[in-house]
Amino acid sequence: MKKCKICQQVKDLKHFYKHKQTKDGVNIYCKTCQSKINAEYRKNNKEKVRKTTEEWRANNRERMLNKMKEYGAKNRQKLRDYAKTYAKNNKAKRSHWNAKRKAIKRSSIPSFVKYCDLESKRLKAIYTLCINISKTTGVEHHVDHMWPLADGGPHWSGNLQIIPAEENIKKRAKVDPAIKATIQEMLAEEERLHAER
């Protein structure tokens, strides 16, 4: 048991954060009071906290990714349950996000393949293959836009790849300039071939 220096309440040691420099190995303030101190500090030093956080993340990127990977591996079911619960409790938000994503996809379809049956078959084949790979390997895979839609990439079969979901999530909306240039060239060539038909 220990008395908090701020609220003066006597609490069990589990209600205090660990602190190596104290005799008993726990902080002098209870978790509740320490949280209030931290919140007040962040409120009064927003710019300093933001800068420090950005610097730490830049210097510890690998460490962060490894910790996230470890946590994800240990808590896979917990994270899935959370995602399901979140989706269930935020239907309007989820619907809005899906509608926005669909609109971006629709507006990202190149005009020359918009009503092309061959392109529709290619897209369907890619998504079907992705599902089959996920089932066969037991590892979830995603259909990824190599040149992301968020960066102006096309929703077109030549811009799609099947990669493990974990890689796709890590990749986010990043694109290699060389890949982007190649896709732009391929798209221009495809458009030229369609015009000739």
N, C-alpha and C. Protein backbone atom coordinates (compact mmCIF):
# COMPACT_ATOMS: atom_id res chain seq x y z
N MET A 1 0.85 -1.19 0.00
CA MET A 1 0.00 0.00 0.00
C MET A 1 0.89 1.25 0.00
N LYS A 2 0.36 2.30 -0.62
CA LYS A 2 1.14 3.54 -0.71
C LYS A 2 0.20 4.74 -0.78
N LYS A 3 0.66 5.86 -0.22
CA LYS A 3 -0.14 7.09 -0.21
C LYS A 3 0.29 7.97 -1.37
N CYS A 4 -0.67 8.40 -2.19
CA CYS A 4 -0.40 9.30 -3.32
C CYS A 4 -0.10 10.69 -2.80
N LYS A 5 0.94 11.33 -3.33
CA LYS A 5 1.38 12.66 -2.88
C LYS A 5 0.40 13.78 -3.27
N ILE A 6 -0.49 13.48 -4.24
CA ILE A 6 -1.42 14.53 -4.67
C ILE A 6 -2.80 14.36 -4.02
N CYS A 7 -3.43 13.20 -4.29
CA CYS A 7 -4.79 13.01 -3.77
C CYS A 7 -4.81 12.51 -2.32
N GLN A 8 -3.63 12.15 -1.80
CA GLN A 8 -3.47 11.71 -0.41
C GLN A 8 -4.22 10.41 -0.07
N GLN A 9 -4.66 9.69 -1.09
CA GLN A 9 -5.35 8.42 -0.85
C GLN A 9 -4.34 7.29 -0.74
N VAL A 10 -4.62 6.35 0.15
CA VAL A 10 -3.75 5.18 0.30
C VAL A 10 -4.30 4.11 -0.64
N LYS A 11 -3.45 3.69 -1.58
CA LYS A 11 -3.89 2.73 -2.60
C LYS A 11 -2.91 1.56 -2.71
N ASP A 12 -3.41 0.49 -3.29
CA ASP A 12 -2.57 -0.68 -3.56
C ASP A 12 -1.50 -0.31 -4.59
N LEU A 13 -0.34 -0.95 -4.57
CA LEU A 13 0.76 -0.62 -5.48
C LEU A 13 0.41 -0.78 -6.96
N LYS A 14 -0.58 -1.62 -7.26
CA LYS A 14 -0.99 -1.80 -8.67
C LYS A 14 -1.61 -0.53 -9.24
N HIS A 15 -1.98 0.43 -8.37
CA HIS A 15 -2.57 1.70 -8.80
C HIS A 15 -1.51 2.78 -9.04
N PHE A 16 -0.23 2.36 -9.04
CA PHE A 16 0.88 3.28 -9.29
C PHE A 16 1.71 2.74 -10.44
N TYR A 17 2.20 3.66 -11.29
CA TYR A 17 3.09 3.25 -12.38
C TYR A 17 4.46 2.87 -11.80
N LYS A 18 5.18 2.02 -12.50
CA LYS A 18 6.51 1.61 -12.06
C LYS A 18 7.49 2.78 -12.20
N HIS A 19 8.45 2.84 -11.28
CA HIS A 19 9.47 3.89 -11.30
C HIS A 19 10.73 3.31 -10.67
N LYS A 20 11.75 3.10 -11.47
CA LYS A 20 12.97 2.43 -11.00
C LYS A 20 13.75 3.21 -9.94
N GLN A 21 13.61 4.54 -9.93
CA GLN A 21 14.43 5.36 -9.03
C GLN A 21 13.86 5.53 -7.62
N THR A 22 12.68 4.99 -7.36
CA THR A 22 12.13 5.07 -6.01
C THR A 22 12.44 3.78 -5.25
N LYS A 23 12.43 3.84 -3.92
CA LYS A 23 12.77 2.67 -3.10
C LYS A 23 11.84 1.50 -3.34
N ASP A 24 10.54 1.81 -3.42
CA ASP A 24 9.56 0.72 -3.60
C ASP A 24 9.31 0.36 -5.07
N GLY A 25 9.96 1.07 -5.99
CA GLY A 25 9.86 0.75 -7.42
C GLY A 25 8.62 1.26 -8.12
N VAL A 26 7.84 2.13 -7.43
CA VAL A 26 6.64 2.71 -8.06
C VAL A 26 6.65 4.23 -7.91
N ASN A 27 5.88 4.89 -8.74
CA ASN A 27 5.80 6.35 -8.77
C ASN A 27 5.24 6.91 -7.47
N ILE A 28 5.48 8.19 -7.20
CA ILE A 28 4.95 8.81 -5.97
C ILE A 28 3.49 9.25 -6.16
N TYR A 29 3.04 9.35 -7.44
CA TYR A 29 1.66 9.71 -7.72
C TYR A 29 0.90 8.48 -8.22
N CYS A 30 -0.36 8.36 -7.88
CA CYS A 30 -1.17 7.24 -8.37
C CYS A 30 -1.42 7.42 -9.87
N LYS A 31 -1.88 6.37 -10.53
CA LYS A 31 -2.10 6.42 -11.99
C LYS A 31 -3.09 7.51 -12.38
N THR A 32 -4.14 7.68 -11.59
CA THR A 32 -5.17 8.69 -11.89
C THR A 32 -4.57 10.10 -11.87
N CYS A 33 -3.81 10.40 -10.80
CA CYS A 33 -3.20 11.73 -10.67
C CYS A 33 -2.11 11.95 -11.72
N GLN A 34 -1.31 10.91 -11.98
CA GLN A 34 -0.25 11.01 -12.99
C GLN A 34 -0.84 11.27 -14.37
N SER A 35 -1.97 10.62 -14.68
CA SER A 35 -2.65 10.82 -15.97
C SER A 35 -3.11 12.27 -16.12
N LYS A 36 -3.61 12.85 -15.00
CA LYS A 36 -4.05 14.26 -15.03
C LYS A 36 -2.86 15.19 -15.28
N ILE A 37 -1.72 14.89 -14.62
CA ILE A 37 -0.49 15.69 -14.79
C ILE A 37 -0.04 15.63 -16.25
N ASN A 38 -0.03 14.40 -16.81
CA ASN A 38 0.40 14.20 -18.20
C ASN A 38 -0.52 14.93 -19.18
N ALA A 39 -1.83 14.85 -18.95
CA ALA A 39 -2.81 15.50 -19.83
C ALA A 39 -2.63 17.02 -19.80
N GLU A 40 -2.40 17.56 -18.60
CA GLU A 40 -2.19 19.00 -18.44
C GLU A 40 -0.93 19.44 -19.17
N TYR A 41 0.14 18.64 -19.04
CA TYR A 41 1.41 18.95 -19.71
C TYR A 41 1.23 18.95 -21.23
N ARG A 42 0.56 17.90 -21.74
CA ARG A 42 0.33 17.83 -23.20
C ARG A 42 -0.50 19.00 -23.70
N LYS A 43 -1.47 19.41 -22.90
CA LYS A 43 -2.34 20.53 -23.26
C LYS A 43 -1.55 21.84 -23.36
N ASN A 44 -0.64 22.04 -22.42
CA ASN A 44 0.13 23.29 -22.36
C ASN A 44 1.38 23.30 -23.24
N ASN A 45 1.78 22.13 -23.75
CA ASN A 45 3.00 22.04 -24.56
C ASN A 45 2.77 21.26 -25.85
N LYS A 46 1.67 21.55 -26.52
CA LYS A 46 1.27 20.80 -27.71
C LYS A 46 2.36 20.71 -28.76
N GLU A 47 2.96 21.84 -29.09
CA GLU A 47 3.97 21.88 -30.16
C GLU A 47 5.22 21.07 -29.78
N LYS A 48 5.65 21.23 -28.55
CA LYS A 48 6.83 20.51 -28.05
C LYS A 48 6.58 19.00 -28.06
N VAL A 49 5.41 18.59 -27.58
CA VAL A 49 5.04 17.17 -27.53
C VAL A 49 4.96 16.59 -28.94
N ARG A 50 4.35 17.35 -29.86
CA ARG A 50 4.23 16.89 -31.25
C ARG A 50 5.60 16.68 -31.87
N LYS A 51 6.50 17.65 -31.67
CA LYS A 51 7.85 17.59 -32.23
C LYS A 51 8.63 16.41 -31.66
N THR A 52 8.57 16.24 -30.34
CA THR A 52 9.27 15.15 -29.67
C THR A 52 8.76 13.80 -30.15
N THR A 53 7.43 13.69 -30.28
CA THR A 53 6.82 12.44 -30.74
C THR A 53 7.26 12.10 -32.16
N GLU A 54 7.25 13.10 -33.04
CA GLU A 54 7.68 12.90 -34.43
C GLU A 54 9.13 12.44 -34.50
N GLU A 55 9.99 13.09 -33.70
CA GLU A 55 11.41 12.73 -33.68
C GLU A 55 11.60 11.30 -33.18
N TRP A 56 10.89 10.97 -32.10
CA TRP A 56 11.03 9.61 -31.53
C TRP A 56 10.58 8.56 -32.55
N ARG A 57 9.45 8.83 -33.21
CA ARG A 57 8.94 7.87 -34.21
C ARG A 57 9.90 7.70 -35.37
N ALA A 58 10.51 8.81 -35.80
CA ALA A 58 11.47 8.75 -36.91
C ALA A 58 12.70 7.93 -36.53
N ASN A 59 13.15 8.09 -35.29
CA ASN A 59 14.35 7.39 -34.82
C ASN A 59 14.10 5.95 -34.38
N ASN A 60 12.84 5.60 -34.14
CA ASN A 60 12.52 4.27 -33.63
C ASN A 60 11.51 3.54 -34.50
N ARG A 61 11.56 3.82 -35.80
CA ARG A 61 10.58 3.24 -36.74
C ARG A 61 10.58 1.71 -36.71
N GLU A 62 11.77 1.10 -36.80
CA GLU A 62 11.88 -0.37 -36.80
C GLU A 62 11.34 -0.96 -35.50
N ARG A 63 11.73 -0.33 -34.40
CA ARG A 63 11.29 -0.80 -33.08
C ARG A 63 9.76 -0.77 -32.98
N MET A 64 9.16 0.34 -33.46
CA MET A 64 7.70 0.48 -33.43
C MET A 64 7.03 -0.61 -34.27
N LEU A 65 7.55 -0.81 -35.50
CA LEU A 65 6.96 -1.80 -36.39
C LEU A 65 7.06 -3.20 -35.81
N ASN A 66 8.21 -3.52 -35.20
CA ASN A 66 8.38 -4.83 -34.58
C ASN A 66 7.42 -5.04 -33.41
N LYS A 67 7.23 -4.00 -32.60
CA LYS A 67 6.30 -4.09 -31.47
C LYS A 67 4.87 -4.28 -31.96
N MET A 68 4.51 -3.53 -33.01
CA MET A 68 3.16 -3.64 -33.58
C MET A 68 2.94 -5.04 -34.15
N LYS A 69 3.98 -5.58 -34.80
CA LYS A 69 3.92 -6.91 -35.39
C LYS A 69 3.72 -7.96 -34.29
N GLU A 70 4.53 -7.83 -33.22
CA GLU A 70 4.43 -8.76 -32.08
C GLU A 70 3.05 -8.71 -31.46
N TYR A 71 2.57 -7.47 -31.22
CA TYR A 71 1.25 -7.30 -30.61
C TYR A 71 0.16 -7.91 -31.50
N GLY A 72 0.27 -7.66 -32.81
CA GLY A 72 -0.71 -8.19 -33.76
C GLY A 72 -0.73 -9.71 -33.77
N ALA A 73 0.46 -10.32 -33.70
CA ALA A 73 0.56 -11.78 -33.69
C ALA A 73 -0.04 -12.37 -32.42
N LYS A 74 0.22 -11.72 -31.27
CA LYS A 74 -0.28 -12.23 -29.99
C LYS A 74 -1.78 -11.99 -29.80
N ASN A 75 -2.27 -10.91 -30.39
CA ASN A 75 -3.66 -10.50 -30.13
C ASN A 75 -4.53 -10.48 -31.39
N ARG A 76 -4.24 -11.40 -32.31
CA ARG A 76 -4.97 -11.43 -33.58
C ARG A 76 -6.49 -11.49 -33.38
N GLN A 77 -6.94 -12.42 -32.53
CA GLN A 77 -8.38 -12.59 -32.31
C GLN A 77 -8.98 -11.37 -31.62
N LYS A 78 -8.25 -10.82 -30.66
CA LYS A 78 -8.71 -9.63 -29.92
C LYS A 78 -8.90 -8.47 -30.89
N LEU A 79 -7.95 -8.28 -31.82
CA LEU A 79 -8.04 -7.20 -32.80
C LEU A 79 -9.19 -7.41 -33.77
N ARG A 80 -9.40 -8.68 -34.18
CA ARG A 80 -10.53 -8.98 -35.07
C ARG A 80 -11.86 -8.69 -34.39
N ASP A 81 -11.96 -9.10 -33.12
CA ASP A 81 -13.19 -8.85 -32.35
C ASP A 81 -13.43 -7.36 -32.20
N TYR A 82 -12.35 -6.62 -31.94
CA TYR A 82 -12.47 -5.16 -31.80
C TYR A 82 -12.96 -4.55 -33.11
N ALA A 83 -12.38 -5.00 -34.24
CA ALA A 83 -12.77 -4.46 -35.55
C ALA A 83 -14.25 -4.74 -35.83
N LYS A 84 -14.70 -5.96 -35.49
CA LYS A 84 -16.11 -6.31 -35.69
C LYS A 84 -17.03 -5.45 -34.83
N THR A 85 -16.64 -5.28 -33.56
CA THR A 85 -17.44 -4.47 -32.63
C THR A 85 -17.47 -3.02 -33.10
N TYR A 86 -16.30 -2.50 -33.53
CA TYR A 86 -16.23 -1.12 -34.01
C TYR A 86 -17.14 -0.93 -35.22
N ALA A 87 -17.06 -1.88 -36.17
CA ALA A 87 -17.89 -1.80 -37.38
C ALA A 87 -19.38 -1.83 -37.02
N LYS A 88 -19.72 -2.68 -36.05
CA LYS A 88 -21.12 -2.82 -35.61
C LYS A 88 -21.62 -1.54 -34.95
N ASN A 89 -20.77 -0.92 -34.11
CA ASN A 89 -21.15 0.28 -33.36
C ASN A 89 -21.01 1.58 -34.15
N ASN A 90 -20.35 1.51 -35.31
CA ASN A 90 -20.12 2.72 -36.12
C ASN A 90 -20.57 2.50 -37.56
N LYS A 91 -21.78 1.97 -37.71
CA LYS A 91 -22.29 1.63 -39.05
C LYS A 91 -22.32 2.83 -39.99
N ALA A 92 -22.74 3.98 -39.47
CA ALA A 92 -22.85 5.17 -40.31
C ALA A 92 -21.47 5.61 -40.81
N LYS A 93 -20.50 5.61 -39.90
CA LYS A 93 -19.13 6.00 -40.24
C LYS A 93 -18.55 5.03 -41.28
N ARG A 94 -18.80 3.74 -41.04
CA ARG A 94 -18.28 2.69 -41.93
C ARG A 94 -18.93 2.81 -43.31
N SER A 95 -20.24 3.05 -43.34
CA SER A 95 -20.96 3.20 -44.61
C SER A 95 -20.43 4.40 -45.39
N HIS A 96 -20.19 5.50 -44.65
CA HIS A 96 -19.66 6.71 -45.29
C HIS A 96 -18.29 6.43 -45.90
N TRP A 97 -17.43 5.72 -45.14
CA TRP A 97 -16.08 5.40 -45.62
C TRP A 97 -16.16 4.52 -46.86
N ASN A 98 -17.03 3.49 -46.83
CA ASN A 98 -17.18 2.57 -47.97
C ASN A 98 -17.71 3.31 -49.20
N ALA A 99 -18.68 4.20 -48.98
CA ALA A 99 -19.25 4.96 -50.10
C ALA A 99 -18.20 5.88 -50.72
N LYS A 100 -17.40 6.50 -49.85
CA LYS A 100 -16.34 7.39 -50.32
C LYS A 100 -15.31 6.61 -51.13
N ARG A 101 -14.94 5.43 -50.62
CA ARG A 101 -13.96 4.56 -51.28
C ARG A 101 -14.49 4.12 -52.66
N LYS A 102 -15.78 3.73 -52.71
CA LYS A 102 -16.39 3.28 -53.96
C LYS A 102 -16.41 4.43 -54.98
N ALA A 103 -16.72 5.63 -54.49
CA ALA A 103 -16.77 6.81 -55.38
C ALA A 103 -15.39 7.09 -55.96
N ILE A 104 -14.36 7.00 -55.12
CA ILE A 104 -12.98 7.21 -55.59
C ILE A 104 -12.63 6.17 -56.63
N LYS A 105 -13.02 4.91 -56.34
CA LYS A 105 -12.74 3.81 -57.27
C LYS A 105 -13.41 4.06 -58.62
N ARG A 106 -14.71 4.43 -58.55
CA ARG A 106 -15.47 4.68 -59.79
C ARG A 106 -14.85 5.80 -60.60
N SER A 107 -14.48 6.89 -59.91
CA SER A 107 -13.90 8.03 -60.63
C SER A 107 -12.47 7.75 -61.08
N SER A 108 -11.86 6.67 -60.54
CA SER A 108 -10.48 6.33 -60.90
C SER A 108 -10.40 5.32 -62.04
N ILE A 109 -11.55 4.86 -62.53
CA ILE A 109 -11.54 3.92 -63.66
C ILE A 109 -11.25 4.71 -64.93
N PRO A 110 -10.19 4.36 -65.65
CA PRO A 110 -9.89 5.08 -66.90
C PRO A 110 -11.08 5.00 -67.86
N SER A 111 -11.39 6.12 -68.50
CA SER A 111 -12.59 6.21 -69.36
C SER A 111 -12.60 5.17 -70.47
N PHE A 112 -11.42 4.83 -71.03
CA PHE A 112 -11.39 3.91 -72.16
C PHE A 112 -11.69 2.44 -71.78
N VAL A 113 -11.67 2.13 -70.46
CA VAL A 113 -12.02 0.75 -70.05
C VAL A 113 -13.28 0.71 -69.19
N LYS A 114 -13.94 1.84 -69.06
CA LYS A 114 -15.11 1.94 -68.18
C LYS A 114 -16.19 0.90 -68.50
N TYR A 115 -16.45 0.68 -69.77
CA TYR A 115 -17.50 -0.27 -70.16
C TYR A 115 -16.92 -1.44 -70.96
N CYS A 116 -15.67 -1.75 -70.71
CA CYS A 116 -14.98 -2.82 -71.44
C CYS A 116 -15.21 -4.17 -70.73
N ASP A 117 -15.78 -5.13 -71.47
CA ASP A 117 -16.07 -6.46 -70.90
C ASP A 117 -14.78 -7.19 -70.52
N LEU A 118 -13.74 -7.06 -71.35
CA LEU A 118 -12.48 -7.73 -71.08
C LEU A 118 -11.87 -7.22 -69.77
N GLU A 119 -11.92 -5.90 -69.56
CA GLU A 119 -11.39 -5.31 -68.33
C GLU A 119 -12.18 -5.80 -67.10
N SER A 120 -13.51 -5.88 -67.24
CA SER A 120 -14.35 -6.38 -66.15
C SER A 120 -13.97 -7.81 -65.78
N LYS A 121 -13.71 -8.64 -66.81
CA LYS A 121 -13.30 -10.04 -66.58
C LYS A 121 -11.94 -10.11 -65.88
N ARG A 122 -11.02 -9.25 -66.31
CA ARG A 122 -9.69 -9.21 -65.69
C ARG A 122 -9.79 -8.86 -64.21
N LEU A 123 -10.57 -7.82 -63.90
CA LEU A 123 -10.74 -7.38 -62.52
C LEU A 123 -11.34 -8.49 -61.66
N LYS A 124 -12.39 -9.12 -62.20
CA LYS A 124 -13.06 -10.20 -61.48
C LYS A 124 -12.09 -11.35 -61.22
N ALA A 125 -11.26 -11.68 -62.23
CA ALA A 125 -10.29 -12.77 -62.10
C ALA A 125 -9.25 -12.47 -61.02
N ILE A 126 -8.80 -11.21 -60.95
CA ILE A 126 -7.80 -10.81 -59.95
C ILE A 126 -8.37 -10.95 -58.53
N TYR A 127 -9.60 -10.46 -58.34
CA TYR A 127 -10.21 -10.52 -57.00
C TYR A 127 -10.53 -11.97 -56.62
N THR A 128 -10.94 -12.79 -57.59
CA THR A 128 -11.21 -14.20 -57.33
C THR A 128 -9.91 -14.92 -56.95
N LEU A 129 -8.85 -14.63 -57.68
CA LEU A 129 -7.54 -15.23 -57.40
C LEU A 129 -7.06 -14.85 -55.99
N CYS A 130 -7.29 -13.62 -55.60
CA CYS A 130 -6.91 -13.14 -54.26
C CYS A 130 -7.61 -13.96 -53.18
N ILE A 131 -8.91 -14.18 -53.36
CA ILE A 131 -9.70 -14.97 -52.40
C ILE A 131 -9.15 -16.39 -52.33
N ASN A 132 -8.86 -16.97 -53.50
CA ASN A 132 -8.35 -18.35 -53.55
C ASN A 132 -6.96 -18.48 -52.90
N ILE A 133 -6.10 -17.49 -53.13
CA ILE A 133 -4.77 -17.51 -52.51
C ILE A 133 -4.91 -17.46 -50.98
N SER A 134 -5.81 -16.58 -50.49
CA SER A 134 -6.03 -16.46 -49.05
C SER A 134 -6.51 -17.79 -48.46
N LYS A 135 -7.45 -18.44 -49.15
CA LYS A 135 -7.99 -19.73 -48.67
C LYS A 135 -6.91 -20.82 -48.69
N THR A 136 -6.16 -20.88 -49.78
CA THR A 136 -5.15 -21.94 -49.95
C THR A 136 -3.99 -21.79 -48.97
N THR A 137 -3.49 -20.57 -48.81
CA THR A 137 -2.31 -20.37 -47.95
C THR A 137 -2.67 -20.21 -46.48
N GLY A 138 -3.92 -19.82 -46.22
CA GLY A 138 -4.31 -19.55 -44.83
C GLY A 138 -3.83 -18.19 -44.36
N VAL A 139 -3.25 -17.42 -45.28
CA VAL A 139 -2.76 -16.06 -44.98
C VAL A 139 -3.64 -15.08 -45.75
N GLU A 140 -4.20 -14.11 -45.04
CA GLU A 140 -5.08 -13.15 -45.70
C GLU A 140 -4.30 -12.30 -46.69
N HIS A 141 -4.82 -12.20 -47.92
CA HIS A 141 -4.22 -11.38 -48.97
C HIS A 141 -5.19 -10.29 -49.39
N HIS A 142 -4.65 -9.20 -49.89
CA HIS A 142 -5.45 -8.08 -50.41
C HIS A 142 -5.08 -7.81 -51.86
N VAL A 143 -6.03 -7.23 -52.59
CA VAL A 143 -5.73 -6.71 -53.92
C VAL A 143 -5.30 -5.26 -53.69
N ASP A 144 -4.07 -4.97 -54.06
CA ASP A 144 -3.48 -3.66 -53.77
C ASP A 144 -3.31 -2.86 -55.05
N HIS A 145 -3.57 -1.56 -54.96
CA HIS A 145 -3.28 -0.64 -56.06
C HIS A 145 -1.82 -0.22 -55.90
N MET A 146 -0.96 -0.66 -56.82
CA MET A 146 0.48 -0.33 -56.71
C MET A 146 0.68 1.18 -56.68
N TRP A 147 -0.04 1.87 -57.57
CA TRP A 147 -0.08 3.33 -57.53
C TRP A 147 -1.41 3.65 -56.83
N PRO A 148 -1.40 4.03 -55.56
CA PRO A 148 -2.63 4.15 -54.77
C PRO A 148 -3.66 5.12 -55.35
N LEU A 149 -4.93 4.77 -55.12
CA LEU A 149 -6.04 5.63 -55.56
C LEU A 149 -5.92 7.01 -54.89
N ALA A 150 -5.49 7.01 -53.63
CA ALA A 150 -5.36 8.27 -52.88
C ALA A 150 -4.35 9.22 -53.51
N ASP A 151 -3.43 8.67 -54.31
CA ASP A 151 -2.40 9.47 -54.96
C ASP A 151 -2.76 9.74 -56.43
N GLY A 152 -3.99 9.35 -56.82
CA GLY A 152 -4.43 9.57 -58.20
C GLY A 152 -4.25 8.38 -59.11
N GLY A 153 -3.92 7.23 -58.53
CA GLY A 153 -3.73 6.01 -59.32
C GLY A 153 -5.04 5.50 -59.91
N PRO A 154 -4.98 4.76 -61.03
CA PRO A 154 -6.19 4.26 -61.67
C PRO A 154 -6.67 2.93 -61.06
N HIS A 155 -7.98 2.74 -61.06
CA HIS A 155 -8.55 1.43 -60.70
C HIS A 155 -8.62 0.66 -62.02
N TRP A 156 -7.52 -0.03 -62.29
CA TRP A 156 -7.33 -0.68 -63.58
C TRP A 156 -6.52 -1.94 -63.35
N SER A 157 -6.77 -3.00 -64.09
CA SER A 157 -6.12 -4.29 -63.86
C SER A 157 -4.59 -4.21 -63.91
N GLY A 158 -4.05 -3.31 -64.72
CA GLY A 158 -2.60 -3.16 -64.83
C GLY A 158 -1.96 -2.49 -63.62
N ASN A 159 -2.81 -1.97 -62.73
CA ASN A 159 -2.31 -1.29 -61.53
C ASN A 159 -2.55 -2.13 -60.27
N LEU A 160 -2.99 -3.37 -60.46
CA LEU A 160 -3.32 -4.20 -59.30
C LEU A 160 -2.28 -5.30 -59.07
N GLN A 161 -2.08 -5.61 -57.80
CA GLN A 161 -1.22 -6.73 -57.43
C GLN A 161 -1.85 -7.40 -56.20
N ILE A 162 -1.55 -8.68 -56.03
CA ILE A 162 -2.05 -9.41 -54.86
C ILE A 162 -0.89 -9.57 -53.90
N ILE A 163 -1.07 -9.02 -52.69
CA ILE A 163 -0.01 -9.10 -51.68
C ILE A 163 -0.62 -9.48 -50.33
N PRO A 164 0.19 -10.00 -49.39
CA PRO A 164 -0.35 -10.30 -48.05
C PRO A 164 -0.94 -9.04 -47.41
N ALA A 165 -2.05 -9.22 -46.71
CA ALA A 165 -2.76 -8.09 -46.09
C ALA A 165 -1.84 -7.26 -45.20
N GLU A 166 -0.96 -7.94 -44.47
CA GLU A 166 -0.05 -7.25 -43.55
C GLU A 166 0.84 -6.25 -44.30
N GLU A 167 1.35 -6.68 -45.47
CA GLU A 167 2.19 -5.80 -46.29
C GLU A 167 1.39 -4.62 -46.82
N ASN A 168 0.16 -4.91 -47.25
CA ASN A 168 -0.70 -3.86 -47.81
C ASN A 168 -1.01 -2.79 -46.76
N ILE A 169 -1.27 -3.23 -45.53
CA ILE A 169 -1.59 -2.29 -44.45
C ILE A 169 -0.36 -1.43 -44.13
N LYS A 170 0.82 -2.05 -44.13
CA LYS A 170 2.07 -1.33 -43.85
C LYS A 170 2.37 -0.31 -44.95
N LYS A 171 2.08 -0.70 -46.19
CA LYS A 171 2.39 0.12 -47.37
C LYS A 171 1.60 1.43 -47.37
N ARG A 172 0.35 1.34 -46.94
CA ARG A 172 -0.56 2.49 -46.91
C ARG A 172 -0.66 3.13 -48.29
N ALA A 173 -0.48 4.47 -48.40
CA ALA A 173 -0.64 5.14 -49.69
C ALA A 173 0.70 5.53 -50.29
N LYS A 174 1.74 4.73 -49.99
CA LYS A 174 3.07 5.04 -50.54
C LYS A 174 3.22 4.42 -51.92
N VAL A 175 4.04 5.06 -52.76
CA VAL A 175 4.30 4.52 -54.09
C VAL A 175 5.74 4.85 -54.51
N ASP A 176 6.37 3.88 -55.13
CA ASP A 176 7.72 4.07 -55.67
C ASP A 176 7.58 4.88 -56.96
N PRO A 177 8.30 6.00 -57.12
CA PRO A 177 8.17 6.82 -58.33
C PRO A 177 8.41 6.03 -59.62
N ALA A 178 9.31 5.04 -59.58
CA ALA A 178 9.59 4.23 -60.77
C ALA A 178 8.37 3.38 -61.15
N ILE A 179 7.70 2.82 -60.13
CA ILE A 179 6.49 2.01 -60.37
C ILE A 179 5.39 2.90 -60.94
N LYS A 180 5.24 4.08 -60.36
CA LYS A 180 4.22 5.04 -60.82
C LYS A 180 4.45 5.39 -62.29
N ALA A 181 5.72 5.67 -62.65
CA ALA A 181 6.06 6.03 -64.04
C ALA A 181 5.77 4.87 -64.99
N THR A 182 6.08 3.64 -64.56
CA THR A 182 5.83 2.45 -65.39
C THR A 182 4.34 2.27 -65.63
N ILE A 183 3.54 2.43 -64.57
CA ILE A 183 2.09 2.28 -64.70
C ILE A 183 1.52 3.35 -65.62
N GLN A 184 2.03 4.57 -65.52
CA GLN A 184 1.57 5.66 -66.40
C GLN A 184 1.87 5.32 -67.87
N GLU A 185 3.07 4.77 -68.12
CA GLU A 185 3.43 4.37 -69.49
C GLU A 185 2.52 3.25 -70.00
N MET A 186 2.30 2.23 -69.14
CA MET A 186 1.44 1.10 -69.51
C MET A 186 0.01 1.57 -69.80
N LEU A 187 -0.47 2.49 -68.98
CA LEU A 187 -1.82 3.02 -69.14
C LEU A 187 -1.95 3.78 -70.46
N ALA A 188 -0.94 4.58 -70.78
CA ALA A 188 -0.94 5.34 -72.05
C ALA A 188 -0.93 4.38 -73.24
N GLU A 189 -0.13 3.31 -73.13
CA GLU A 189 -0.05 2.30 -74.21
C GLU A 189 -1.38 1.57 -74.37
N GLU A 190 -1.99 1.21 -73.24
CA GLU A 190 -3.30 0.52 -73.26
C GLU A 190 -4.37 1.42 -73.89
N GLU A 191 -4.32 2.71 -73.56
CA GLU A 191 -5.29 3.66 -74.12
C GLU A 191 -5.08 3.78 -75.64
N ARG A 192 -3.83 3.78 -76.08
CA ARG A 192 -3.53 3.86 -77.51
C ARG A 192 -4.06 2.61 -78.24
N LEU A 193 -3.86 1.44 -77.64
CA LEU A 193 -4.34 0.20 -78.25
C LEU A 193 -5.86 0.15 -78.33
N HIS A 194 -6.53 0.66 -77.29
CA HIS A 194 -8.00 0.71 -77.30
C HIS A 194 -8.51 1.64 -78.39
N ALA A 195 -7.81 2.75 -78.60
CA ALA A 195 -8.21 3.74 -79.60
C ALA A 195 -8.10 3.16 -81.00
N GLU A 196 -7.13 2.24 -81.19
CA GLU A 196 -6.92 1.62 -82.50
C GLU A 196 -7.97 0.57 -82.85
N ARG A 197 -8.61 -0.01 -81.82
CA ARG A 197 -9.61 -1.07 -82.05
C ARG A 197 -10.90 -0.54 -82.62
